[in-house]
Amino acid sequence: MRYHYEKPNIYLSMYGKVYFCDHPVYHCCTLFQIGEKGLAVIQQRFDEKTKSTWWGDVDPWITDDLYLHPRFKEYFDTHSGMATDGLYSTVTLRQIMWALKMKPIKRERWETVFDRRNI
């Protein structure tokens, strides 16, 4: 039986911020910053009308669980970096959840992946 990460009824998003940039894959992301280093996290979205997908910021109900996870700091230290032309190191929500050994969010049929690649 598979278990998925469930959206809580009550949540507060204190960590991570929506960051707008000129990246070739996305125009906004959720940025986690510690000092000068940053890690951008993106999540795929779907438009039912046009049947198109795009990458954007992460749902606010999951940001605190990512940041407060016991393994987040270690992951952040190995994957984050200084901004280069306003762009930070980027990972997908699924990549970070997998690395932190968190229950994944439910996978949709329309999702594509960047698994094991630098974005």
C-alpha atoms as a PDB file:
ATOM      1  CA  MET A   1       0.000   0.000   0.000  1.00  0.00           C
ATOM      2  CA  ARG A   2       1.380   3.408  -0.943  1.00  0.00           C
ATOM      3  CA  TYR A   3       1.269   6.354   1.348  1.00  0.00           C
ATOM      4  CA  HIS A   4       1.351   9.923   0.135  1.00  0.00           C
ATOM      5  CA  TYR A   5       2.024  13.212   1.812  1.00  0.00           C
ATOM      6  CA  GLU A   6      -1.345  14.710   2.774  1.00  0.00           C
ATOM      7  CA  LYS A   7      -2.151  18.406   2.866  1.00  0.00           C
ATOM      8  CA  PRO A   8      -2.810  19.418   6.501  1.00  0.00           C
ATOM      9  CA  ASN A   9      -6.049  21.169   7.432  1.00  0.00           C
ATOM     10  CA  ILE A  10      -4.175  23.953   9.234  1.00  0.00           C
ATOM     11  CA  TYR A  11      -0.759  25.185   8.129  1.00  0.00           C
ATOM     12  CA  LEU A  12       1.496  28.204   8.373  1.00  0.00           C
ATOM     13  CA  SER A  13       4.203  28.992   5.857  1.00  0.00           C
ATOM     14  CA  MET A  14       7.048  30.750   7.640  1.00  0.00           C
ATOM     15  CA  TYR A  15      10.047  29.407   5.716  1.00  0.00           C
ATOM     16  CA  GLY A  16      10.951  29.834   2.084  1.00  0.00           C
ATOM     17  CA  LYS A  17       9.852  32.724  -0.071  1.00  0.00           C
ATOM     18  CA  VAL A  18       8.497  33.071  -3.572  1.00  0.00           C
ATOM     19  CA  TYR A  19      11.366  34.233  -5.764  1.00  0.00           C
ATOM     20  CA  PHE A  20      10.900  35.624  -9.280  1.00  0.00           C
ATOM     21  CA  CYS A  21      13.755  35.232 -11.749  1.00  0.00           C
ATOM     22  CA  ASP A  22      14.632  34.841 -15.425  1.00  0.00           C
ATOM     23  CA  HIS A  23      15.386  31.099 -15.474  1.00  0.00           C
ATOM     24  CA  PRO A  24      14.861  29.255 -18.797  1.00  0.00           C
ATOM     25  CA  VAL A  25      12.661  26.569 -17.133  1.00  0.00           C
ATOM     26  CA  TYR A  26      10.575  28.621 -14.673  1.00  0.00           C
ATOM     27  CA  HIS A  27       9.830  32.226 -13.750  1.00  0.00           C
ATOM     28  CA  CYS A  28       9.155  31.771 -10.034  1.00  0.00           C
ATOM     29  CA  CYS A  29      10.234  29.274  -7.379  1.00  0.00           C
ATOM     30  CA  THR A  30      10.329  28.810  -3.619  1.00  0.00           C
ATOM     31  CA  LEU A  31      13.708  29.988  -2.376  1.00  0.00           C
ATOM     32  CA  PHE A  32      15.270  28.783   0.848  1.00  0.00           C
ATOM     33  CA  GLN A  33      18.176  30.973   1.946  1.00  0.00           C
ATOM     34  CA  ILE A  34      20.702  30.597   4.719  1.00  0.00           C
ATOM     35  CA  GLY A  35      23.204  33.417   4.679  1.00  0.00           C
ATOM     36  CA  GLU A  36      24.375  34.092   1.121  1.00  0.00           C
ATOM     37  CA  LYS A  37      23.557  30.587  -0.152  1.00  0.00           C
ATOM     38  CA  GLY A  38      20.200  29.651  -1.593  1.00  0.00           C
ATOM     39  CA  LEU A  39      18.294  26.640  -2.908  1.00  0.00           C
ATOM     40  CA  ALA A  40      15.385  27.048  -5.323  1.00  0.00           C
ATOM     41  CA  VAL A  41      12.640  24.400  -5.214  1.00  0.00           C
ATOM     42  CA  ILE A  42      10.096  24.086  -8.037  1.00  0.00           C
ATOM     43  CA  GLN A  43       6.856  22.147  -8.452  1.00  0.00           C
ATOM     44  CA  GLN A  44       5.059  21.273 -11.672  1.00  0.00           C
ATOM     45  CA  ARG A  45       1.596  22.703 -12.345  1.00  0.00           C
ATOM     46  CA  PHE A  46      -1.114  21.852 -14.879  1.00  0.00           C
ATOM     47  CA  ASP A  47      -3.615  24.057 -16.710  1.00  0.00           C
ATOM     48  CA  GLU A  48      -6.777  22.051 -17.363  1.00  0.00           C
ATOM     49  CA  LYS A  49      -7.997  24.398 -20.126  1.00  0.00           C
ATOM     50  CA  THR A  50      -4.897  24.395 -22.311  1.00  0.00           C
ATOM     51  CA  LYS A  51      -3.599  20.983 -21.162  1.00  0.00           C
ATOM     52  CA  SER A  52      -0.181  22.522 -20.598  1.00  0.00           C
ATOM     53  CA  THR A  53       2.250  22.246 -17.712  1.00  0.00           C
ATOM     54  CA  TRP A  54       4.714  24.688 -16.202  1.00  0.00           C
ATOM     55  CA  TRP A  55       7.118  24.847 -13.270  1.00  0.00           C
ATOM     56  CA  GLY A  56       6.575  27.275 -10.408  1.00  0.00           C
ATOM     57  CA  ASP A  57       6.759  27.800  -6.675  1.00  0.00           C
ATOM     58  CA  VAL A  58       5.955  25.058  -4.171  1.00  0.00           C
ATOM     59  CA  ASP A  59       2.607  24.767  -2.369  1.00  0.00           C
ATOM     60  CA  PRO A  60       2.840  26.861   0.814  1.00  0.00           C
ATOM     61  CA  TRP A  61       1.536  24.025   2.997  1.00  0.00           C
ATOM     62  CA  ILE A  62       4.704  21.974   2.466  1.00  0.00           C
ATOM     63  CA  THR A  63       7.476  24.592   2.799  1.00  0.00           C
ATOM     64  CA  ASP A  64       7.752  24.465   6.597  1.00  0.00           C
ATOM     65  CA  ASP A  65       7.828  20.656   6.645  1.00  0.00           C
ATOM     66  CA  LEU A  66      10.721  20.720   4.175  1.00  0.00           C
ATOM     67  CA  TYR A  67      12.702  23.375   6.043  1.00  0.00           C
ATOM     68  CA  LEU A  68      12.142  21.875   9.500  1.00  0.00           C
ATOM     69  CA  HIS A  69      13.013  18.336   8.406  1.00  0.00           C
ATOM     70  CA  PRO A  70      16.033  16.966  10.340  1.00  0.00           C
ATOM     71  CA  ARG A  71      17.968  16.236   7.117  1.00  0.00           C
ATOM     72  CA  PHE A  72      17.207  19.552   5.381  1.00  0.00           C
ATOM     73  CA  LYS A  73      20.325  21.412   6.561  1.00  0.00           C
ATOM     74  CA  GLU A  74      22.615  18.630   5.313  1.00  0.00           C
ATOM     75  CA  TYR A  75      20.795  18.545   1.950  1.00  0.00           C
ATOM     76  CA  PHE A  76      20.877  22.343   1.741  1.00  0.00           C
ATOM     77  CA  ASP A  77      24.619  22.462   2.412  1.00  0.00           C
ATOM     78  CA  THR A  78      25.387  19.987  -0.404  1.00  0.00           C
ATOM     79  CA  HIS A  79      22.967  21.345  -3.045  1.00  0.00           C
ATOM     80  CA  SER A  80      22.732  25.096  -2.444  1.00  0.00           C
ATOM     81  CA  GLY A  81      24.981  27.784  -3.834  1.00  0.00           C
ATOM     82  CA  MET A  82      25.542  31.469  -4.342  1.00  0.00           C
ATOM     83  CA  ALA A  83      23.371  33.266  -6.886  1.00  0.00           C
ATOM     84  CA  THR A  84      24.782  33.428 -10.405  1.00  0.00           C
ATOM     85  CA  ASP A  85      23.086  36.132 -12.498  1.00  0.00           C
ATOM     86  CA  GLY A  86      20.161  36.041 -10.048  1.00  0.00           C
ATOM     87  CA  LEU A  87      19.743  32.242 -10.356  1.00  0.00           C
ATOM     88  CA  TYR A  88      20.223  29.738  -7.543  1.00  0.00           C
ATOM     89  CA  SER A  89      20.788  25.985  -7.594  1.00  0.00           C
ATOM     90  CA  THR A  90      17.444  24.347  -8.327  1.00  0.00           C
ATOM     91  CA  VAL A  91      15.775  21.053  -7.408  1.00  0.00           C
ATOM     92  CA  THR A  92      12.247  19.772  -7.907  1.00  0.00           C
ATOM     93  CA  LEU A  93       9.908  19.113  -5.016  1.00  0.00           C
ATOM     94  CA  ARG A  94      10.017  15.372  -5.732  1.00  0.00           C
ATOM     95  CA  GLN A  95      13.834  15.334  -5.731  1.00  0.00           C
ATOM     96  CA  ILE A  96      14.092  16.984  -2.325  1.00  0.00           C
ATOM     97  CA  MET A  97      11.308  14.875  -0.808  1.00  0.00           C
ATOM     98  CA  TRP A  98      12.992  11.733  -2.107  1.00  0.00           C
ATOM     99  CA  ALA A  99      16.379  12.802  -0.699  1.00  0.00           C
ATOM    100  CA  LEU A 100      14.869  13.663   2.699  1.00  0.00           C
ATOM    101  CA  LYS A 101      12.979  10.341   2.706  1.00  0.00           C
ATOM    102  CA  MET A 102       9.637  12.094   3.114  1.00  0.00           C
ATOM    103  CA  LYS A 103       6.380  10.591   1.910  1.00  0.00           C
ATOM    104  CA  PRO A 104       5.905  11.807  -1.670  1.00  0.00           C
ATOM    105  CA  ILE A 105       2.999  13.906  -2.860  1.00  0.00           C
ATOM    106  CA  LYS A 106       0.537  12.065  -5.076  1.00  0.00           C
ATOM    107  CA  ARG A 107       1.895  11.704  -8.615  1.00  0.00           C
ATOM    108  CA  GLU A 108      -0.309  12.942 -11.439  1.00  0.00           C
ATOM    109  CA  ARG A 109      -0.445  11.432 -14.935  1.00  0.00           C
ATOM    110  CA  TRP A 110       0.631  14.699 -16.579  1.00  0.00           C
ATOM    111  CA  GLU A 111       3.846  15.123 -14.573  1.00  0.00           C
ATOM    112  CA  THR A 112       7.265  15.104 -16.207  1.00  0.00           C
ATOM    113  CA  VAL A 113      10.570  14.750 -14.366  1.00  0.00           C
ATOM    114  CA  PHE A 114      14.119  16.083 -14.150  1.00  0.00           C
ATOM    115  CA  ASP A 115      15.299  13.153 -12.047  1.00  0.00           C
ATOM    116  CA  ARG A 116      19.053  13.005 -11.435  1.00  0.00           C
ATOM    117  CA  ARG A 117      19.746  16.145 -13.465  1.00  0.00           C
ATOM    118  CA  ASN A 118      20.838  19.646 -12.696  1.00  0.00           C
ATOM    119  CA  ILE A 119      18.175  22.174 -13.586  1.00  0.00           C
END
